[in-house]
N, C-alpha and C. Protein backbone atom coordinates (compact mmCIF):
# COMPACT_ATOMS: atom_id res chain seq x y z
N MET A 1 4.64 -7.40 -47.45
CA MET A 1 4.12 -9.29 -48.21
C MET A 1 2.51 -9.07 -47.60
N THR A 2 1.71 -9.51 -48.56
CA THR A 2 0.34 -9.71 -48.37
C THR A 2 -0.07 -11.04 -47.63
N ARG A 3 -0.97 -11.42 -47.27
CA ARG A 3 -1.59 -12.39 -46.69
C ARG A 3 -1.61 -13.48 -47.73
N LYS A 4 -1.76 -13.38 -48.90
CA LYS A 4 -1.66 -14.75 -50.10
C LYS A 4 -0.96 -15.24 -50.51
N GLN A 5 0.21 -13.70 -49.91
CA GLN A 5 2.41 -13.89 -50.94
C GLN A 5 2.68 -14.68 -49.38
N LEU A 6 1.71 -14.85 -48.25
CA LEU A 6 2.40 -15.99 -47.20
C LEU A 6 2.37 -16.47 -46.87
N SER A 7 1.13 -17.85 -47.85
CA SER A 7 0.75 -18.38 -47.97
C SER A 7 1.82 -19.82 -47.65
N GLY A 8 2.51 -19.56 -48.81
CA GLY A 8 3.77 -21.10 -48.88
C GLY A 8 4.99 -20.68 -47.57
N THR A 9 4.89 -19.46 -46.69
CA THR A 9 5.88 -18.88 -46.12
C THR A 9 6.24 -19.51 -45.01
N THR A 10 7.22 -19.98 -44.20
CA THR A 10 7.72 -20.11 -43.25
C THR A 10 7.71 -18.72 -42.40
N LEU A 11 6.31 -18.84 -41.36
CA LEU A 11 6.61 -17.23 -40.18
C LEU A 11 6.80 -17.29 -38.68
N THR A 12 7.98 -16.95 -38.28
CA THR A 12 8.16 -16.61 -36.82
C THR A 12 7.37 -16.39 -35.92
N LEU A 13 6.69 -16.27 -34.85
CA LEU A 13 5.89 -16.35 -34.38
C LEU A 13 5.33 -14.45 -34.07
N GLY A 14 7.09 -14.05 -33.15
CA GLY A 14 6.85 -12.55 -33.55
C GLY A 14 6.15 -11.83 -35.40
N ALA A 15 6.78 -12.37 -36.41
CA ALA A 15 6.15 -11.91 -37.52
C ALA A 15 4.45 -11.96 -37.77
N ALA A 16 3.94 -13.46 -37.16
CA ALA A 16 2.68 -14.03 -37.18
C ALA A 16 2.17 -13.16 -36.71
N LEU A 17 2.46 -12.53 -35.37
CA LEU A 17 1.49 -11.90 -34.75
C LEU A 17 1.53 -10.04 -35.45
N ALA A 18 2.70 -9.60 -35.60
CA ALA A 18 2.47 -8.87 -35.97
C ALA A 18 1.51 -8.33 -37.17
N LEU A 19 1.89 -9.72 -38.03
CA LEU A 19 1.33 -9.56 -39.23
C LEU A 19 -0.50 -9.55 -38.81
N GLY A 20 -1.22 -10.16 -38.12
CA GLY A 20 -2.09 -10.69 -37.71
C GLY A 20 -2.69 -11.75 -38.22
N THR A 21 -1.49 -12.74 -38.21
CA THR A 21 -2.02 -14.17 -39.04
C THR A 21 -1.60 -15.14 -38.12
N ALA A 22 -1.93 -16.27 -38.02
CA ALA A 22 -2.54 -17.70 -37.18
C ALA A 22 -1.41 -18.15 -37.50
N LEU A 23 -0.57 -18.73 -36.47
CA LEU A 23 0.91 -19.86 -37.75
C LEU A 23 -0.54 -21.20 -37.90
N VAL A 24 0.20 -21.86 -38.65
CA VAL A 24 -1.15 -22.92 -39.02
C VAL A 24 0.17 -24.07 -39.53
N PRO A 25 0.14 -25.33 -38.85
CA PRO A 25 0.93 -26.38 -38.93
C PRO A 25 0.76 -27.02 -39.96
N ALA A 26 1.69 -27.89 -40.79
CA ALA A 26 1.90 -27.52 -41.84
C ALA A 26 1.30 -29.05 -42.36
N THR A 27 1.41 -30.29 -41.23
CA THR A 27 1.12 -31.32 -41.86
C THR A 27 -0.44 -31.84 -41.05
N PRO A 28 -1.48 -32.81 -41.19
CA PRO A 28 -2.47 -32.92 -40.51
C PRO A 28 -2.19 -33.73 -39.20
N LEU A 29 -0.76 -34.37 -38.77
CA LEU A 29 -0.66 -34.43 -37.24
C LEU A 29 -0.18 -33.34 -36.89
N ALA A 30 0.40 -32.50 -37.21
CA ALA A 30 0.87 -31.58 -36.62
C ALA A 30 -0.31 -30.54 -36.37
N ALA A 31 -1.38 -30.70 -37.14
CA ALA A 31 -2.01 -29.93 -36.98
C ALA A 31 -3.28 -30.59 -35.51
N GLN A 32 -3.13 -31.59 -35.68
CA GLN A 32 -4.05 -31.84 -34.59
C GLN A 32 -3.44 -31.67 -32.81
N GLU A 33 -1.79 -31.83 -33.33
CA GLU A 33 -1.14 -31.85 -31.91
C GLU A 33 -1.08 -30.38 -31.24
N HIS A 34 -1.08 -29.84 -32.48
CA HIS A 34 -1.63 -28.35 -31.87
C HIS A 34 -2.71 -27.96 -31.60
N ALA A 35 -3.64 -28.40 -31.94
CA ALA A 35 -5.74 -28.25 -31.65
C ALA A 35 -5.18 -28.79 -29.85
N GLN A 36 -5.08 -30.44 -30.01
CA GLN A 36 -4.93 -30.59 -28.20
C GLN A 36 -4.38 -29.55 -27.48
N MET A 37 -2.59 -29.52 -28.29
CA MET A 37 -2.19 -28.63 -26.87
C MET A 37 -2.88 -27.25 -26.79
N SER A 38 -3.42 -26.54 -27.64
CA SER A 38 -3.87 -25.51 -27.41
C SER A 38 -5.55 -25.68 -26.68
N GLU A 39 -5.54 -26.80 -26.65
CA GLU A 39 -7.10 -26.96 -25.60
C GLU A 39 -6.65 -27.05 -24.48
N MET A 40 -5.45 -27.97 -24.62
CA MET A 40 -4.97 -28.23 -23.19
C MET A 40 -4.75 -26.75 -22.28
N MET A 41 -3.96 -25.86 -23.29
CA MET A 41 -3.36 -24.81 -22.47
C MET A 41 -4.52 -23.79 -22.05
N HIS A 42 -5.39 -23.92 -22.58
CA HIS A 42 -6.68 -23.09 -22.21
C HIS A 42 -7.52 -23.96 -21.27
N SER A 43 -7.23 -24.98 -20.81
CA SER A 43 -8.34 -25.82 -20.11
C SER A 43 -7.69 -24.76 -18.30
N VAL A 44 -8.94 -25.17 -17.51
CA VAL A 44 -8.81 -24.82 -16.70
C VAL A 44 -9.24 -25.04 -15.46
N GLU A 45 -8.59 -25.64 -14.21
CA GLU A 45 -9.87 -26.55 -13.17
C GLU A 45 -9.41 -25.50 -12.15
N TYR A 46 -10.17 -25.32 -10.95
CA TYR A 46 -10.21 -24.80 -9.69
C TYR A 46 -10.63 -25.81 -9.58
N PHE A 47 -9.25 -25.92 -7.92
CA PHE A 47 -9.27 -26.77 -6.87
C PHE A 47 -9.92 -26.44 -5.99
N GLY A 48 -10.40 -27.45 -4.89
CA GLY A 48 -10.50 -26.93 -3.00
C GLY A 48 -11.17 -25.57 -2.99
N ARG A 49 -12.40 -25.04 -3.56
CA ARG A 49 -12.86 -24.03 -3.78
C ARG A 49 -13.54 -23.65 -2.17
N GLY A 50 -12.62 -22.58 -0.99
CA GLY A 50 -13.44 -22.53 -0.40
C GLY A 50 -14.53 -21.47 -0.08
N SER A 51 -14.60 -20.88 0.54
CA SER A 51 -15.71 -19.77 0.74
C SER A 51 -15.54 -18.42 0.07
N ASN A 52 -14.10 -18.37 0.01
CA ASN A 52 -13.46 -16.98 -0.18
C ASN A 52 -11.90 -17.48 -1.54
N PHE A 53 -11.84 -18.34 -1.44
CA PHE A 53 -10.76 -18.46 -2.66
C PHE A 53 -10.67 -20.07 -3.37
N SER A 54 -10.16 -20.55 -4.00
CA SER A 54 -9.38 -21.85 -4.50
C SER A 54 -8.52 -21.75 -3.88
N GLU A 55 -8.08 -22.97 -3.24
CA GLU A 55 -6.62 -23.22 -2.71
C GLU A 55 -5.50 -23.55 -4.57
N ALA A 56 -6.14 -24.23 -4.94
CA ALA A 56 -5.40 -23.98 -6.23
C ALA A 56 -5.55 -24.06 -7.93
N VAL A 57 -5.21 -23.67 -8.83
CA VAL A 57 -6.15 -23.30 -10.05
C VAL A 57 -4.87 -23.91 -10.75
N ARG A 58 -5.30 -24.78 -11.97
CA ARG A 58 -4.24 -25.54 -13.12
C ARG A 58 -4.78 -24.50 -14.43
N VAL A 59 -3.68 -24.40 -14.99
CA VAL A 59 -3.98 -24.13 -16.77
C VAL A 59 -2.82 -24.60 -17.08
N GLY A 60 -3.47 -25.48 -17.94
CA GLY A 60 -2.34 -26.41 -18.81
C GLY A 60 -1.78 -26.91 -17.79
N ASN A 61 -0.54 -27.16 -17.82
CA ASN A 61 0.37 -27.90 -16.87
C ASN A 61 0.89 -26.86 -16.41
N VAL A 62 0.39 -26.06 -15.64
CA VAL A 62 0.80 -24.89 -14.45
C VAL A 62 -0.44 -25.25 -13.72
N LEU A 63 0.57 -25.15 -12.37
CA LEU A 63 -0.60 -25.03 -11.40
C LEU A 63 -0.40 -24.25 -9.81
N TYR A 64 -0.83 -22.99 -10.06
CA TYR A 64 -1.01 -21.89 -9.38
C TYR A 64 -1.28 -22.39 -7.88
N LEU A 65 -0.52 -22.29 -6.71
CA LEU A 65 -0.98 -22.81 -5.43
C LEU A 65 -0.83 -21.64 -4.47
N SER A 66 -2.00 -21.20 -4.34
CA SER A 66 -2.24 -20.40 -3.06
C SER A 66 -1.71 -20.53 -1.51
N GLY A 67 -1.28 -18.90 -1.18
CA GLY A 67 -0.22 -18.92 -0.16
C GLY A 67 -1.22 -20.08 1.04
N LYS A 68 0.22 -20.14 1.51
CA LYS A 68 0.14 -21.67 2.96
C LYS A 68 0.78 -20.86 4.07
N LEU A 69 0.45 -21.17 4.98
CA LEU A 69 0.17 -20.74 6.64
C LEU A 69 1.24 -22.38 7.31
N GLY A 70 2.13 -21.86 8.08
CA GLY A 70 2.23 -22.93 9.14
C GLY A 70 1.62 -23.48 9.79
N THR A 71 0.01 -24.20 9.25
CA THR A 71 -0.76 -24.62 10.24
C THR A 71 -1.11 -26.24 10.60
N VAL A 72 -1.52 -26.07 11.56
CA VAL A 72 -2.03 -27.90 11.62
C VAL A 72 -3.51 -28.28 11.32
N PRO A 73 -4.28 -28.41 10.77
CA PRO A 73 -5.33 -29.03 10.68
C PRO A 73 -5.84 -28.81 12.28
N GLY A 74 -6.75 -28.81 12.62
CA GLY A 74 -7.73 -28.58 13.92
C GLY A 74 -6.71 -28.24 15.04
N GLU A 75 -5.49 -28.01 14.99
CA GLU A 75 -4.96 -27.37 15.93
C GLU A 75 -4.54 -25.42 15.75
N GLY A 76 -4.88 -25.29 14.41
CA GLY A 76 -4.21 -23.93 14.38
C GLY A 76 -2.50 -23.54 14.32
N LEU A 77 -1.87 -22.73 14.34
CA LEU A 77 -0.48 -22.17 13.50
C LEU A 77 -0.07 -22.86 14.32
N VAL A 78 0.95 -23.86 14.07
CA VAL A 78 2.52 -23.88 14.79
C VAL A 78 3.26 -23.32 15.99
N GLU A 79 3.51 -23.35 17.14
CA GLU A 79 4.42 -22.61 17.92
C GLU A 79 5.63 -22.43 17.71
N GLY A 80 6.35 -21.62 18.51
CA GLY A 80 8.02 -21.57 18.30
C GLY A 80 8.72 -20.98 17.13
N GLY A 81 7.74 -19.63 16.76
CA GLY A 81 8.57 -18.77 15.53
C GLY A 81 8.41 -19.73 14.23
N ILE A 82 9.50 -18.44 13.62
CA ILE A 82 10.07 -18.84 12.09
C ILE A 82 10.05 -20.33 11.72
N ILE A 83 11.75 -20.71 12.46
CA ILE A 83 11.42 -21.76 12.13
C ILE A 83 10.32 -22.98 12.33
N PRO A 84 9.68 -23.23 12.96
CA PRO A 84 8.75 -24.66 13.01
C PRO A 84 7.66 -23.77 11.80
N GLU A 85 7.12 -22.47 11.84
CA GLU A 85 6.29 -22.05 10.82
C GLU A 85 6.89 -22.36 9.66
N THR A 86 7.79 -22.30 9.11
CA THR A 86 8.22 -22.66 7.65
C THR A 86 8.22 -24.09 7.44
N GLU A 87 8.65 -24.83 8.29
CA GLU A 87 8.90 -25.99 7.96
C GLU A 87 7.22 -26.60 7.84
N GLN A 88 6.25 -26.33 8.89
CA GLN A 88 4.92 -26.43 8.69
C GLN A 88 4.69 -26.12 7.15
N THR A 89 4.47 -25.04 6.92
CA THR A 89 3.70 -24.08 5.88
C THR A 89 4.32 -24.80 4.29
N MET A 90 5.59 -25.62 4.86
CA MET A 90 6.47 -26.20 3.16
C MET A 90 5.99 -27.87 3.23
N ARG A 91 5.58 -28.10 4.61
CA ARG A 91 4.49 -30.01 4.31
C ARG A 91 3.24 -29.54 3.98
N ASN A 92 2.42 -28.49 4.19
CA ASN A 92 1.43 -28.32 3.87
C ASN A 92 1.49 -27.78 1.89
N ILE A 93 2.39 -27.35 2.02
CA ILE A 93 2.80 -27.19 0.32
C ILE A 93 2.69 -27.87 -0.37
N GLY A 94 3.24 -29.09 -0.13
CA GLY A 94 3.76 -30.57 -0.52
C GLY A 94 2.43 -31.08 -0.17
N ASP A 95 2.21 -31.55 0.20
CA ASP A 95 1.08 -31.92 0.76
C ASP A 95 -0.18 -31.44 -0.32
N ALA A 96 -0.53 -29.97 -0.61
CA ALA A 96 -1.22 -29.77 -1.64
C ALA A 96 -0.58 -30.24 -2.82
N LEU A 97 0.48 -29.69 -2.82
CA LEU A 97 0.66 -30.08 -4.34
C LEU A 97 0.92 -31.94 -4.74
N GLU A 98 1.08 -32.60 -3.96
CA GLU A 98 0.54 -34.14 -4.16
C GLU A 98 -0.75 -34.61 -4.72
N ARG A 99 -1.77 -33.62 -3.84
CA ARG A 99 -3.06 -33.69 -4.05
C ARG A 99 -3.96 -33.44 -5.61
N TYR A 100 -2.91 -32.20 -5.61
CA TYR A 100 -3.46 -31.75 -7.55
C TYR A 100 -2.32 -32.51 -8.50
N GLY A 101 -1.37 -33.30 -8.22
CA GLY A 101 -0.80 -34.07 -9.41
C GLY A 101 0.97 -33.48 -9.17
N SER A 102 1.16 -32.72 -8.13
CA SER A 102 2.49 -32.02 -8.67
C SER A 102 3.24 -32.54 -7.62
N SER A 103 4.88 -32.09 -7.28
CA SER A 103 5.46 -32.46 -6.12
C SER A 103 6.06 -30.92 -5.95
N LEU A 104 7.40 -30.74 -4.84
CA LEU A 104 8.25 -29.63 -4.32
C LEU A 104 9.38 -29.75 -5.63
N ASP A 105 9.45 -31.22 -6.10
CA ASP A 105 10.34 -30.95 -7.28
C ASP A 105 10.09 -30.55 -8.46
N GLU A 106 8.26 -30.29 -8.77
CA GLU A 106 8.23 -29.49 -9.65
C GLU A 106 7.56 -27.93 -9.49
N VAL A 107 8.28 -27.43 -8.41
CA VAL A 107 8.01 -25.70 -8.19
C VAL A 107 8.70 -24.96 -9.20
N VAL A 108 8.33 -24.15 -9.87
CA VAL A 108 9.30 -23.34 -10.29
C VAL A 108 9.32 -21.81 -9.71
N LYS A 109 8.45 -21.39 -8.90
CA LYS A 109 8.89 -20.40 -8.75
C LYS A 109 7.85 -20.55 -6.95
N CYS A 110 8.29 -19.52 -5.90
CA CYS A 110 7.66 -19.23 -4.84
C CYS A 110 7.91 -17.87 -4.78
N THR A 111 6.59 -17.51 -3.48
CA THR A 111 6.66 -16.12 -3.25
C THR A 111 6.41 -16.21 -1.77
N VAL A 112 7.39 -16.09 -1.18
CA VAL A 112 8.10 -15.68 0.58
C VAL A 112 7.11 -14.29 1.10
N PHE A 113 5.72 -14.34 2.22
CA PHE A 113 5.68 -12.93 2.83
C PHE A 113 6.03 -13.46 4.15
N LEU A 114 7.01 -12.14 4.91
CA LEU A 114 7.09 -12.55 5.68
C LEU A 114 6.99 -11.36 6.88
N ALA A 115 6.40 -11.45 8.31
CA ALA A 115 5.81 -10.58 8.91
C ALA A 115 7.02 -9.12 9.54
N ASP A 116 7.95 -10.14 9.55
CA ASP A 116 9.19 -9.41 9.96
C ASP A 116 10.36 -10.23 8.91
N ILE A 117 10.61 -9.19 7.99
CA ILE A 117 11.61 -9.52 7.30
C ILE A 117 13.41 -10.29 7.85
N ALA A 118 13.21 -9.56 9.45
CA ALA A 118 14.33 -9.82 10.38
C ALA A 118 13.99 -11.21 10.07
N ASP A 119 13.28 -12.72 9.86
CA ASP A 119 13.44 -13.49 10.24
C ASP A 119 13.68 -14.17 8.47
N PHE A 120 14.38 -13.39 7.46
CA PHE A 120 14.53 -14.21 6.25
C PHE A 120 15.45 -14.75 6.40
N GLN A 121 16.93 -14.83 6.87
CA GLN A 121 17.76 -16.03 7.22
C GLN A 121 16.87 -17.45 7.48
N ASP A 122 16.53 -17.24 8.91
CA ASP A 122 16.38 -18.64 9.64
C ASP A 122 15.05 -19.04 8.59
N MET A 123 14.42 -18.35 7.97
CA MET A 123 13.30 -18.80 6.71
C MET A 123 13.68 -19.57 5.88
N THR A 124 14.61 -18.90 4.93
CA THR A 124 15.72 -19.15 4.09
C THR A 124 16.45 -20.98 4.31
N ARG A 125 17.12 -20.43 5.63
CA ARG A 125 17.27 -22.23 5.93
C ARG A 125 16.94 -23.36 5.82
N THR A 126 15.49 -22.90 6.28
CA THR A 126 14.70 -23.88 6.82
C THR A 126 14.04 -24.47 5.11
N TYR A 127 13.84 -23.49 4.31
CA TYR A 127 13.33 -23.53 3.70
C TYR A 127 13.70 -23.89 2.31
N ARG A 128 15.22 -24.53 2.15
CA ARG A 128 16.40 -24.71 1.06
C ARG A 128 16.32 -25.93 1.33
N GLU A 129 16.31 -26.57 2.53
CA GLU A 129 15.86 -27.61 2.90
C GLU A 129 15.23 -28.82 2.45
N PHE A 130 13.97 -28.21 1.80
CA PHE A 130 12.85 -28.41 0.91
C PHE A 130 12.95 -28.93 0.03
N PHE A 131 14.09 -27.76 -1.02
CA PHE A 131 14.95 -28.24 -1.96
C PHE A 131 15.96 -28.33 -2.73
N PRO A 132 16.21 -29.73 -2.22
CA PRO A 132 17.98 -29.82 -2.09
C PRO A 132 18.29 -30.36 -3.52
N ASN A 133 17.12 -30.35 -4.35
CA ASN A 133 18.04 -30.74 -5.98
C ASN A 133 17.73 -29.43 -7.16
N ASN A 134 16.39 -28.98 -6.97
CA ASN A 134 15.72 -27.75 -8.04
C ASN A 134 15.11 -26.57 -7.26
N ARG A 135 16.26 -25.81 -7.01
CA ARG A 135 15.72 -23.99 -6.04
C ARG A 135 14.96 -23.46 -6.94
N PRO A 136 13.73 -23.45 -6.39
CA PRO A 136 12.50 -22.53 -7.71
C PRO A 136 12.60 -21.03 -7.52
N ALA A 137 12.97 -20.45 -8.97
CA ALA A 137 12.96 -19.03 -8.80
C ALA A 137 12.21 -18.70 -7.18
N ARG A 138 12.23 -17.86 -6.58
CA ARG A 138 11.74 -16.85 -5.33
C ARG A 138 11.90 -15.48 -4.98
N SER A 139 11.11 -14.68 -4.61
CA SER A 139 10.63 -13.79 -4.11
C SER A 139 10.55 -13.58 -2.81
N ALA A 140 10.95 -12.73 -2.14
CA ALA A 140 10.53 -12.43 -0.54
C ALA A 140 10.07 -11.29 0.21
N LEU A 141 9.56 -11.07 1.03
CA LEU A 141 9.04 -9.33 1.17
C LEU A 141 8.49 -9.61 2.44
N GLY A 142 8.68 -8.06 3.16
CA GLY A 142 8.18 -8.22 4.21
C GLY A 142 6.94 -7.44 4.16
N VAL A 143 6.09 -7.49 5.16
CA VAL A 143 4.35 -7.16 4.77
C VAL A 143 4.44 -6.70 6.18
N GLY A 144 2.79 -5.62 5.95
CA GLY A 144 2.63 -5.55 7.44
C GLY A 144 1.89 -6.33 8.46
N GLY A 145 1.91 -7.59 7.97
CA GLY A 145 0.84 -8.60 8.81
C GLY A 145 0.43 -9.90 8.12
N LEU A 146 0.35 -10.76 8.29
CA LEU A 146 -0.21 -11.84 8.44
C LEU A 146 -1.77 -12.66 8.51
N VAL A 147 -2.55 -13.24 8.24
CA VAL A 147 -3.41 -13.97 8.56
C VAL A 147 -3.19 -15.08 10.15
N LEU A 148 -3.72 -14.73 11.17
CA LEU A 148 -3.80 -15.61 12.14
C LEU A 148 -2.02 -15.16 12.62
N ASP A 149 -2.04 -14.00 12.74
CA ASP A 149 -0.68 -13.65 13.12
C ASP A 149 0.73 -14.56 12.81
N ALA A 150 0.09 -14.99 11.78
CA ALA A 150 1.34 -16.20 11.04
C ALA A 150 2.70 -14.89 10.61
N ARG A 151 4.11 -15.87 11.05
CA ARG A 151 5.01 -15.33 10.72
C ARG A 151 5.66 -15.57 8.73
N VAL A 152 4.97 -16.22 7.67
CA VAL A 152 5.38 -16.88 7.57
C VAL A 152 4.56 -17.15 6.28
N GLU A 153 3.82 -16.94 4.94
CA GLU A 153 3.49 -17.30 4.70
C GLU A 153 3.73 -17.66 2.74
N ILE A 154 3.82 -18.80 2.36
CA ILE A 154 4.67 -18.73 1.04
C ILE A 154 3.69 -19.16 0.28
N GLU A 155 3.25 -18.82 -1.14
CA GLU A 155 2.79 -18.90 -2.64
C GLU A 155 3.39 -19.71 -3.34
N CYS A 156 3.41 -20.68 -4.32
CA CYS A 156 3.83 -21.55 -5.27
C CYS A 156 3.34 -21.91 -6.59
N ILE A 157 4.11 -21.75 -7.37
CA ILE A 157 3.78 -21.91 -9.18
C ILE A 157 4.71 -23.08 -9.29
N ALA A 158 4.16 -24.63 -9.88
CA ALA A 158 4.60 -25.51 -10.11
C ALA A 158 3.93 -26.13 -11.49
N THR A 159 4.53 -26.95 -11.94
CA THR A 159 4.50 -27.72 -13.52
C THR A 159 3.72 -29.16 -12.55
N VAL A 160 2.32 -29.14 -13.55
CA VAL A 160 2.41 -30.61 -13.35
C VAL A 160 1.99 -31.67 -14.41
N GLY A 161 2.97 -32.66 -14.17
CA GLY A 161 3.19 -33.48 -15.83
C GLY A 161 3.77 -33.44 -16.94
N LEU A 162 4.89 -33.00 -16.39
CA LEU A 162 5.92 -33.02 -17.95
C LEU A 162 6.77 -33.62 -17.95
N PRO A 163 6.56 -34.48 -19.12
CA PRO A 163 8.32 -35.13 -19.13
C PRO A 163 9.79 -34.54 -18.45
N GLY A 164 10.06 -34.87 -17.74
CA GLY A 164 11.39 -34.99 -17.46
C GLY A 164 11.59 -33.31 -15.72
N GLY A 165 9.99 -33.51 -15.07
CA GLY A 165 9.67 -32.36 -14.04
C GLY A 165 10.52 -33.11 -13.24
N GLY A 166 11.20 -32.32 -12.73
CA GLY A 166 12.19 -32.56 -11.02
C GLY A 166 13.37 -32.72 -11.67
N ASP A 167 14.00 -32.86 -12.73
CA ASP A 167 15.34 -33.40 -12.13
C ASP A 167 16.73 -32.53 -13.23
N GLY A 168 16.30 -31.14 -12.64
CA GLY A 168 17.03 -30.27 -13.07
C GLY A 168 18.64 -30.22 -11.86
N ASP A 169 19.45 -29.67 -11.62
CA ASP A 169 20.81 -29.76 -10.97
C ASP A 169 20.61 -28.16 -9.94
N GLY A 170 19.36 -28.21 -9.98
CA GLY A 170 19.33 -26.67 -8.48
C GLY A 170 19.47 -25.85 -9.28
N GLY A 171 19.81 -24.75 -8.18
CA GLY A 171 20.20 -23.13 -8.79
C GLY A 171 20.18 -22.47 -7.37
N SER A 172 19.47 -21.11 -7.26
CA SER A 172 20.13 -20.52 -5.89
C SER A 172 18.73 -20.44 -5.03
């Protein structure tokens, strides 16, 4: 099929990509909505830029949060091991998400880094308390060491401002 023959044909995304043809909305209103969605999806904002990295980066309606530790501002890492560190880490994540227009209810993915994989069960019990309704996808791995000799670091991906965000029935 030539591009000329495609002019009145509806294409799937895969077919359009294979043929190198752009999908064009059929009505002026759809074209305007498409342009707005495209602009939003391609907008990138950097938040809380420190000397080494951004605390969060928003791309469209997705917020990528840098790893958080169980630190208290001005005091350093909380003492007491994996449970208090996980609690403080999750509070720090919640605070950062709220600063950038999201919440724990909108988290869709977390990656957990543990200085000692033997802490996995205690971390998991504590972590789950912060996600009573919606359990995001999660990966956990043991690492050779963390900044400040922390026991846990957690990074998250969350949505921002999506309709119905945070109203699921949970997961694992």
